[in-house]
C-alpha atoms as a PDB file:
ATOM      1  CA  UNK A   1     179.637 102.388-160.571  1.00  0.00           C
ATOM      2  CA  UNK A   2     176.792 103.079-163.845  1.00  0.00           C
ATOM      3  CA  UNK A   3     177.748 106.011-166.248  1.00  0.00           C
ATOM      4  CA  UNK A   4     174.680 107.059-168.023  1.00  0.00           C
ATOM      5  CA  UNK A   5     175.339 108.336-171.417  1.00  0.00           C
ATOM      6  CA  UNK A   6     173.371 110.249-174.151  1.00  0.00           C
ATOM      7  CA  UNK A   7     173.344 108.831-177.911  1.00  0.00           C
ATOM      8  CA  UNK A   8     173.947 110.708-181.127  1.00  0.00           C
ATOM      9  CA  UNK A   9     172.410 111.440-183.903  1.00  0.00           C
ATOM     10  CA  UNK A  10     175.353 110.076-186.456  1.00  0.00           C
ATOM     11  CA  UNK A  11     175.886 106.714-186.844  1.00  0.00           C
ATOM     12  CA  UNK A  12     178.677 104.666-188.535  1.00  0.00           C
ATOM     13  CA  UNK A  13     178.081 102.758-191.348  1.00  0.00           C
ATOM     14  CA  UNK A  14     178.691  98.805-191.831  1.00  0.00           C
ATOM     15  CA  UNK A  15     179.011  96.155-189.033  1.00  0.00           C
ATOM     16  CA  UNK A  16     180.111  92.412-189.044  1.00  0.00           C
ATOM     17  CA  UNK A  17     177.176  90.959-187.024  1.00  0.00           C
ATOM     18  CA  UNK A  18     173.562  89.900-187.336  1.00  0.00           C
ATOM     19  CA  UNK A  19     171.025  92.319-185.377  1.00  0.00           C
ATOM     20  CA  UNK A  20     169.263  90.143-182.754  1.00  0.00           C
ATOM     21  CA  UNK A  21     166.675  92.563-181.107  1.00  0.00           C
ATOM     22  CA  UNK A  22     166.660  90.134-178.552  1.00  0.00           C
ATOM     23  CA  UNK A  23     170.094  89.666-177.726  1.00  0.00           C
ATOM     24  CA  UNK A  24     169.450  93.757-176.205  1.00  0.00           C
ATOM     25  CA  UNK A  25     170.509  94.441-172.643  1.00  0.00           C
ATOM     26  CA  UNK A  26     167.013  94.446-170.338  1.00  0.00           C
ATOM     27  CA  UNK A  27     164.932  91.725-172.205  1.00  0.00           C
ATOM     28  CA  UNK A  28     161.923  93.183-170.235  1.00  0.00           C
ATOM     29  CA  UNK A  29     162.034  96.066-173.037  1.00  0.00           C
ATOM     30  CA  UNK A  30     161.749  94.060-175.431  1.00  0.00           C
ATOM     31  CA  UNK A  31     157.733  94.279-176.371  1.00  0.00           C
ATOM     32  CA  UNK A  32     158.754  98.248-175.966  1.00  0.00           C
ATOM     33  CA  UNK A  33     161.449  97.469-178.700  1.00  0.00           C
ATOM     34  CA  UNK A  34     159.410  95.391-181.077  1.00  0.00           C
ATOM     35  CA  UNK A  35     156.857  97.715-180.946  1.00  0.00           C
ATOM     36  CA  UNK A  36     159.045 100.652-181.416  1.00  0.00           C
ATOM     37  CA  UNK A  37     160.410  99.250-184.410  1.00  0.00           C
ATOM     38  CA  UNK A  38     157.494  98.061-186.370  1.00  0.00           C
ATOM     39  CA  UNK A  39     156.596 101.804-186.324  1.00  0.00           C
ATOM     40  CA  UNK A  40     159.760 102.915-187.561  1.00  0.00           C
ATOM     41  CA  UNK A  41     160.032 100.270-189.639  1.00  0.00           C
ATOM     42  CA  UNK A  42     155.613 101.397-191.055  1.00  0.00           C
ATOM     43  CA  UNK A  43     157.084 104.630-191.517  1.00  0.00           C
ATOM     44  CA  UNK A  44     160.120 103.701-193.673  1.00  0.00           C
ATOM     45  CA  UNK A  45     157.805 101.355-196.125  1.00  0.00           C
ATOM     46  CA  UNK A  46     155.212 104.076-196.854  1.00  0.00           C
ATOM     47  CA  UNK A  47     157.925 106.224-198.028  1.00  0.00           C
ATOM     48  CA  UNK A  48     156.904 109.270-197.361  1.00  0.00           C
ATOM     49  CA  UNK A  49     159.224 111.668-197.733  1.00  0.00           C
ATOM     50  CA  UNK A  50     157.534 115.076-195.869  1.00  0.00           C
ATOM     51  CA  UNK A  51     157.510 112.675-192.533  1.00  0.00           C
ATOM     52  CA  UNK A  52     161.057 111.068-192.913  1.00  0.00           C
ATOM     53  CA  UNK A  53     162.410 114.177-193.613  1.00  0.00           C
ATOM     54  CA  UNK A  54     160.940 115.016-189.886  1.00  0.00           C
ATOM     55  CA  UNK A  55     161.514 111.812-188.273  1.00  0.00           C
ATOM     56  CA  UNK A  56     165.441 111.696-189.918  1.00  0.00           C
ATOM     57  CA  UNK A  57     166.019 115.811-189.120  1.00  0.00           C
ATOM     58  CA  UNK A  58     167.084 115.820-193.004  1.00  0.00           C
ATOM     59  CA  UNK A  59     166.193 117.967-195.515  1.00  0.00           C
ATOM     60  CA  UNK A  60     168.073 116.968-198.817  1.00  0.00           C
ATOM     61  CA  UNK A  61     166.210 114.053-200.349  1.00  0.00           C
ATOM     62  CA  UNK A  62     169.531 111.794-201.416  1.00  0.00           C
ATOM     63  CA  UNK A  63     170.745 111.769-197.560  1.00  0.00           C
ATOM     64  CA  UNK A  64     166.645 110.656-196.611  1.00  0.00           C
ATOM     65  CA  UNK A  65     167.177 108.398-198.721  1.00  0.00           C
ATOM     66  CA  UNK A  66     170.624 106.969-197.163  1.00  0.00           C
ATOM     67  CA  UNK A  67     168.447 106.019-194.438  1.00  0.00           C
ATOM     68  CA  UNK A  68     164.745 105.050-195.891  1.00  0.00           C
ATOM     69  CA  UNK A  69     165.940 101.440-195.739  1.00  0.00           C
ATOM     70  CA  UNK A  70     164.798  98.707-193.627  1.00  0.00           C
ATOM     71  CA  UNK A  71     167.339  97.889-190.115  1.00  0.00           C
ATOM     72  CA  UNK A  72     165.663  94.791-189.053  1.00  0.00           C
ATOM     73  CA  UNK A  73     167.946  92.976-191.824  1.00  0.00           C
ATOM     74  CA  UNK A  74     171.119  95.503-191.632  1.00  0.00           C
ATOM     75  CA  UNK A  75     174.827  94.551-189.624  1.00  0.00           C
ATOM     76  CA  UNK A  76     175.030  95.259-186.680  1.00  0.00           C
ATOM     77  CA  UNK A  77     178.144  96.534-184.799  1.00  0.00           C
ATOM     78  CA  UNK A  78     178.431  97.742-180.718  1.00  0.00           C
ATOM     79  CA  UNK A  79     176.435 100.385-179.561  1.00  0.00           C
ATOM     80  CA  UNK A  80     179.563 102.284-178.729  1.00  0.00           C
ATOM     81  CA  UNK A  81     181.358 102.072-182.023  1.00  0.00           C
ATOM     82  CA  UNK A  82     178.036 102.853-184.214  1.00  0.00           C
ATOM     83  CA  UNK A  83     177.938 106.078-182.306  1.00  0.00           C
ATOM     84  CA  UNK A  84     180.022 108.556-184.052  1.00  0.00           C
ATOM     85  CA  UNK A  85     178.942 112.144-181.809  1.00  0.00           C
ATOM     86  CA  UNK A  86     180.948 114.510-180.482  1.00  0.00           C
ATOM     87  CA  UNK A  87     181.487 112.718-177.056  1.00  0.00           C
ATOM     88  CA  UNK A  88     182.228 109.561-179.086  1.00  0.00           C
ATOM     89  CA  UNK A  89     185.091 110.790-180.680  1.00  0.00           C
ATOM     90  CA  UNK A  90     186.871 112.328-177.749  1.00  0.00           C
ATOM     91  CA  UNK A  91     186.002 108.987-176.089  1.00  0.00           C
ATOM     92  CA  UNK A  92     187.674 107.344-179.293  1.00  0.00           C
ATOM     93  CA  UNK A  93     186.485 103.777-177.902  1.00  0.00           C
ATOM     94  CA  UNK A  94     188.660 102.362-180.765  1.00  0.00           C
ATOM     95  CA  UNK A  95     192.338 103.337-179.667  1.00  0.00           C
ATOM     96  CA  UNK A  96     191.370 101.766-176.337  1.00  0.00           C
ATOM     97  CA  UNK A  97     192.927  98.578-174.942  1.00  0.00           C
ATOM     98  CA  UNK A  98     191.083  95.758-173.937  1.00  0.00           C
ATOM     99  CA  UNK A  99     190.690  96.140-170.394  1.00  0.00           C
ATOM    100  CA  UNK A 100     188.712 100.049-171.084  1.00  0.00           C
ATOM    101  CA  UNK A 101     186.929  98.356-173.815  1.00  0.00           C
ATOM    102  CA  UNK A 102     185.544  96.102-171.644  1.00  0.00           C
ATOM    103  CA  UNK A 103     185.253  98.901-168.674  1.00  0.00           C
ATOM    104  CA  UNK A 104     182.769 100.036-170.768  1.00  0.00           C
ATOM    105  CA  UNK A 105     181.066  97.387-172.774  1.00  0.00           C
ATOM    106  CA  UNK A 106     180.432  96.787-168.633  1.00  0.00           C
ATOM    107  CA  UNK A 107     179.552  99.430-166.900  1.00  0.00           C
ATOM    108  CA  UNK A 108     178.557 101.948-169.680  1.00  0.00           C
ATOM    109  CA  UNK A 109     174.573 102.517-170.658  1.00  0.00           C
ATOM    110  CA  UNK A 110     173.664 104.269-173.524  1.00  0.00           C
ATOM    111  CA  UNK A 111     170.002 106.093-173.793  1.00  0.00           C
ATOM    112  CA  UNK A 112     168.514 105.680-177.548  1.00  0.00           C
ATOM    113  CA  UNK A 113     165.896 107.207-178.906  1.00  0.00           C
ATOM    114  CA  UNK A 114     165.217 103.983-180.930  1.00  0.00           C
ATOM    115  CA  UNK A 115     165.687 101.402-178.166  1.00  0.00           C
ATOM    116  CA  UNK A 116     164.965 103.325-175.150  1.00  0.00           C
ATOM    117  CA  UNK A 117     168.274 102.216-173.427  1.00  0.00           C
ATOM    118  CA  UNK A 118     171.397  99.918-174.575  1.00  0.00           C
ATOM    119  CA  UNK A 119     174.818  98.305-173.156  1.00  0.00           C
ATOM    120  CA  UNK A 120     177.202  99.460-174.422  1.00  0.00           C
ATOM    121  CA  UNK A 121     178.735  96.448-176.141  1.00  0.00           C
ATOM    122  CA  UNK A 122     175.100  95.434-177.199  1.00  0.00           C
ATOM    123  CA  UNK A 123     175.156  95.358-181.495  1.00  0.00           C
ATOM    124  CA  UNK A 124     172.791  97.583-182.970  1.00  0.00           C
ATOM    125  CA  UNK A 125     171.797  98.622-186.985  1.00  0.00           C
ATOM    126  CA  UNK A 126     172.568 101.627-188.465  1.00  0.00           C
ATOM    127  CA  UNK A 127     169.707 103.909-188.319  1.00  0.00           C
ATOM    128  CA  UNK A 128     168.290 107.880-187.988  1.00  0.00           C
ATOM    129  CA  UNK A 129     166.062 109.194-185.677  1.00  0.00           C
ATOM    130  CA  UNK A 130     166.441 112.795-184.467  1.00  0.00           C
ATOM    131  CA  UNK A 131     166.455 113.415-180.894  1.00  0.00           C
ATOM    132  CA  UNK A 132     162.729 114.769-179.708  1.00  0.00           C
ATOM    133  CA  UNK A 133     161.039 113.282-182.978  1.00  0.00           C
ATOM    134  CA  UNK A 134     157.824 111.338-183.098  1.00  0.00           C
ATOM    135  CA  UNK A 135     158.054 107.486-184.753  1.00  0.00           C
ATOM    136  CA  UNK A 136     154.512 107.864-186.781  1.00  0.00           C
ATOM    137  CA  UNK A 137     152.524 109.301-183.511  1.00  0.00           C
ATOM    138  CA  UNK A 138     154.496 107.455-180.850  1.00  0.00           C
ATOM    139  CA  UNK A 139     156.907 110.341-178.956  1.00  0.00           C
ATOM    140  CA  UNK A 140     159.689 107.761-177.538  1.00  0.00           C
ATOM    141  CA  UNK A 141     160.429 109.641-173.923  1.00  0.00           C
ATOM    142  CA  UNK A 142     157.076 109.253-173.503  1.00  0.00           C
ATOM    143  CA  UNK A 143     156.490 105.936-174.196  1.00  0.00           C
ATOM    144  CA  UNK A 144     160.112 104.977-172.951  1.00  0.00           C
ATOM    145  CA  UNK A 145     159.703 106.407-169.520  1.00  0.00           C
ATOM    146  CA  UNK A 146     157.307 104.177-167.849  1.00  0.00           C
ATOM    147  CA  UNK A 147     159.191 100.487-168.276  1.00  0.00           C
ATOM    148  CA  UNK A 148     162.393 102.656-167.909  1.00  0.00           C
ATOM    149  CA  UNK A 149     161.898 103.925-164.355  1.00  0.00           C
ATOM    150  CA  UNK A 150     160.628 100.647-163.185  1.00  0.00           C
ATOM    151  CA  UNK A 151     163.616  98.725-164.994  1.00  0.00           C
ATOM    152  CA  UNK A 152     166.303 101.250-164.077  1.00  0.00           C
ATOM    153  CA  UNK A 153     165.471 102.173-160.691  1.00  0.00           C
ATOM    154  CA  UNK A 154     165.908  98.047-159.771  1.00  0.00           C
ATOM    155  CA  UNK A 155     168.996  97.922-161.960  1.00  0.00           C
ATOM    156  CA  UNK A 156     170.745 101.138-160.600  1.00  0.00           C
ATOM    157  CA  UNK A 157     169.583  99.931-156.609  1.00  0.00           C
ATOM    158  CA  UNK A 158     173.186  99.984-154.469  1.00  0.00           C
ATOM    159  CA  UNK A 159     174.980 101.601-156.957  1.00  0.00           C
ATOM    160  CA  UNK A 160     176.879 104.751-157.697  1.00  0.00           C
ATOM    161  CA  UNK A 161     175.478 106.669-160.516  1.00  0.00           C
ATOM    162  CA  UNK A 162     177.209 108.626-162.640  1.00  0.00           C
ATOM    163  CA  UNK A 163     175.084 110.817-165.530  1.00  0.00           C
ATOM    164  CA  UNK A 164     176.925 112.288-168.397  1.00  0.00           C
ATOM    165  CA  UNK A 165     173.581 112.777-170.600  1.00  0.00           C
ATOM    166  CA  UNK A 166     172.644 115.873-171.686  1.00  0.00           C
ATOM    167  CA  UNK A 167     169.351 117.404-169.832  1.00  0.00           C
ATOM    168  CA  UNK A 168     166.753 116.092-172.969  1.00  0.00           C
ATOM    169  CA  UNK A 169     167.443 112.446-171.682  1.00  0.00           C
ATOM    170  CA  UNK A 170     165.507 113.006-168.100  1.00  0.00           C
ATOM    171  CA  UNK A 171     162.596 112.966-169.953  1.00  0.00           C
ATOM    172  CA  UNK A 172     163.035 109.186-170.204  1.00  0.00           C
ATOM    173  CA  UNK A 173     164.770 108.849-167.097  1.00  0.00           C
ATOM    174  CA  UNK A 174     165.829 110.858-164.258  1.00  0.00           C
ATOM    175  CA  UNK A 175     167.306 108.838-161.372  1.00  0.00           C
ATOM    176  CA  UNK A 176     165.502 108.142-157.918  1.00  0.00           C
ATOM    177  CA  UNK A 177     168.814 107.193-156.677  1.00  0.00           C
ATOM    178  CA  UNK A 178     171.534 109.521-155.610  1.00  0.00           C
ATOM    179  CA  UNK A 179     173.240 110.088-158.311  1.00  0.00           C
ATOM    180  CA  UNK A 180     176.310 112.766-160.089  1.00  0.00           C
ATOM    181  CA  UNK A 181     176.551 114.739-162.829  1.00  0.00           C
ATOM    182  CA  UNK A 182     179.145 117.059-164.850  1.00  0.00           C
ATOM    183  CA  UNK A 183     178.819 121.070-165.411  1.00  0.00           C
ATOM    184  CA  UNK A 184     182.145 122.463-167.583  1.00  0.00           C
ATOM    185  CA  UNK A 185     182.888 126.139-166.852  1.00  0.00           C
ATOM    186  CA  UNK A 186     185.606 128.409-168.944  1.00  0.00           C
ATOM    187  CA  UNK A 187     186.098 132.351-168.000  1.00  0.00           C
ATOM    188  CA  UNK A 188     183.181 131.794-165.978  1.00  0.00           C
ATOM    189  CA  UNK A 189     180.622 130.957-168.217  1.00  0.00           C
ATOM    190  CA  UNK A 190     178.885 127.592-169.061  1.00  0.00           C
ATOM    191  CA  UNK A 191     179.976 125.987-172.377  1.00  0.00           C
ATOM    192  CA  UNK A 192     177.442 123.517-173.889  1.00  0.00           C
ATOM    193  CA  UNK A 193     179.043 122.456-176.963  1.00  0.00           C
ATOM    194  CA  UNK A 194     182.433 121.730-175.720  1.00  0.00           C
ATOM    195  CA  UNK A 195     180.659 119.863-172.639  1.00  0.00           C
ATOM    196  CA  UNK A 196     180.234 117.098-175.510  1.00  0.00           C
ATOM    197  CA  UNK A 197     183.751 116.598-176.089  1.00  0.00           C
ATOM    198  CA  UNK A 198     184.742 117.128-172.009  1.00  0.00           C
ATOM    199  CA  UNK A 199     182.231 114.579-171.449  1.00  0.00           C
ATOM    200  CA  UNK A 200     184.195 112.184-173.709  1.00  0.00           C
ATOM    201  CA  UNK A 201     187.526 112.715-172.421  1.00  0.00           C
ATOM    202  CA  UNK A 202     186.429 112.148-168.687  1.00  0.00           C
ATOM    203  CA  UNK A 203     184.450 108.933-170.171  1.00  0.00           C
ATOM    204  CA  UNK A 204     188.088 108.072-171.713  1.00  0.00           C
ATOM    205  CA  UNK A 205     190.165 108.824-168.065  1.00  0.00           C
ATOM    206  CA  UNK A 206     187.914 106.993-166.350  1.00  0.00           C
ATOM    207  CA  UNK A 207     188.000 103.574-168.327  1.00  0.00           C
ATOM    208  CA  UNK A 208     191.553 103.637-168.666  1.00  0.00           C
ATOM    209  CA  UNK A 209     191.736 104.155-165.138  1.00  0.00           C
ATOM    210  CA  UNK A 210     188.570 101.446-164.428  1.00  0.00           C
ATOM    211  CA  UNK A 211     187.472 103.740-161.706  1.00  0.00           C
ATOM    212  CA  UNK A 212     184.921 102.127-159.643  1.00  0.00           C
ATOM    213  CA  UNK A 213     183.373 104.539-157.014  1.00  0.00           C
ATOM    214  CA  UNK A 214     182.931 108.081-157.141  1.00  0.00           C
ATOM    215  CA  UNK A 215     185.344 109.022-154.479  1.00  0.00           C
ATOM    216  CA  UNK A 216     187.961 107.497-157.103  1.00  0.00           C
ATOM    217  CA  UNK A 217     186.561 109.203-160.170  1.00  0.00           C
ATOM    218  CA  UNK A 218     186.652 112.865-158.215  1.00  0.00           C
ATOM    219  CA  UNK A 219     190.566 112.261-157.308  1.00  0.00           C
ATOM    220  CA  UNK A 220     191.469 110.995-160.973  1.00  0.00           C
ATOM    221  CA  UNK A 221     193.099 114.129-162.693  1.00  0.00           C
ATOM    222  CA  UNK A 222     192.048 115.368-166.108  1.00  0.00           C
ATOM    223  CA  UNK A 223     194.539 117.691-168.373  1.00  0.00           C
ATOM    224  CA  UNK A 224     192.860 120.653-169.004  1.00  0.00           C
ATOM    225  CA  UNK A 225     190.296 120.474-165.980  1.00  0.00           C
ATOM    226  CA  UNK A 226     190.330 121.336-162.224  1.00  0.00           C
ATOM    227  CA  UNK A 227     186.971 120.707-159.848  1.00  0.00           C
ATOM    228  CA  UNK A 228     185.732 124.185-158.845  1.00  0.00           C
ATOM    229  CA  UNK A 229     182.912 123.381-156.570  1.00  0.00           C
ATOM    230  CA  UNK A 230     180.394 120.597-155.410  1.00  0.00           C
ATOM    231  CA  UNK A 231     176.981 121.057-155.488  1.00  0.00           C
ATOM    232  CA  UNK A 232     174.326 119.167-153.626  1.00  0.00           C
ATOM    233  CA  UNK A 233     170.339 118.926-153.721  1.00  0.00           C
ATOM    234  CA  UNK A 234     168.282 116.301-153.088  1.00  0.00           C
ATOM    235  CA  UNK A 235     169.544 112.965-154.508  1.00  0.00           C
ATOM    236  CA  UNK A 236     171.458 115.230-157.250  1.00  0.00           C
ATOM    237  CA  UNK A 237     175.742 116.007-156.542  1.00  0.00           C
ATOM    238  CA  UNK A 238     176.629 118.046-159.335  1.00  0.00           C
ATOM    239  CA  UNK A 239     180.946 118.431-160.278  1.00  0.00           C
ATOM    240  CA  UNK A 240     181.736 121.748-161.560  1.00  0.00           C
ATOM    241  CA  UNK A 241     184.820 121.596-163.691  1.00  0.00           C
ATOM    242  CA  UNK A 242     186.667 124.756-164.902  1.00  0.00           C
ATOM    243  CA  UNK A 243     188.109 124.647-167.808  1.00  0.00           C
ATOM    244  CA  UNK A 244     191.720 125.833-167.867  1.00  0.00           C
ATOM    245  CA  UNK A 245     192.642 128.673-169.968  1.00  0.00           C
ATOM    246  CA  UNK A 246     195.060 127.447-172.382  1.00  0.00           C
ATOM    247  CA  UNK A 247     193.079 124.065-172.438  1.00  0.00           C
ATOM    248  CA  UNK A 248     192.753 123.115-176.381  1.00  0.00           C
ATOM    249  CA  UNK A 249     190.993 120.311-177.691  1.00  0.00           C
END
């Protein structure tokens, strides 16, 4: 089973490993990553504050300058440790045991606006790129879509797929094979912000249990959630969870 997850714009600083672009999962993406990273670096070197503001999604000069640096020679850490958004906070990778960490390092794919798609255990530097914003004249989602279609259709062939990404990342890749998604409702309404938290909670439970199939996943008890219904249309199955009224995060 493979799990697809979106990244976060916020990142943890630091790292202890050198960044090696060629070491990232999916060697076939190297020429695409190299081209986009060069374009990203060119934008940084020009120092146009207005362009950087748009690319970073930041307004304050001090915040922009924090990220306006060469990332190629910056230290790297695991992608799953680098990202710090809501889902990653509730996953809380650092507190998992070695078995659960190993599970995520090998079963989880994290989509990246800069690198296309990463293995959770890939080592990446700190960078900033707002979702949906171009790098120079290049729109990453359009740039990566053709190679990801071919690469991931092959890589995921024969795998069960749990897709817990935000919908935006369908622009990078939408599975051709059967896949399963999650929806969370509370008091009859779909939740959006807190869906990120529950994605992290669900992912942590999956890793702790070492889940290897969707059948096993659907039997996995998750505190505060129960399956309301399961809907299948074409190659997409959607598990709809009801959040218990008394559940708190």
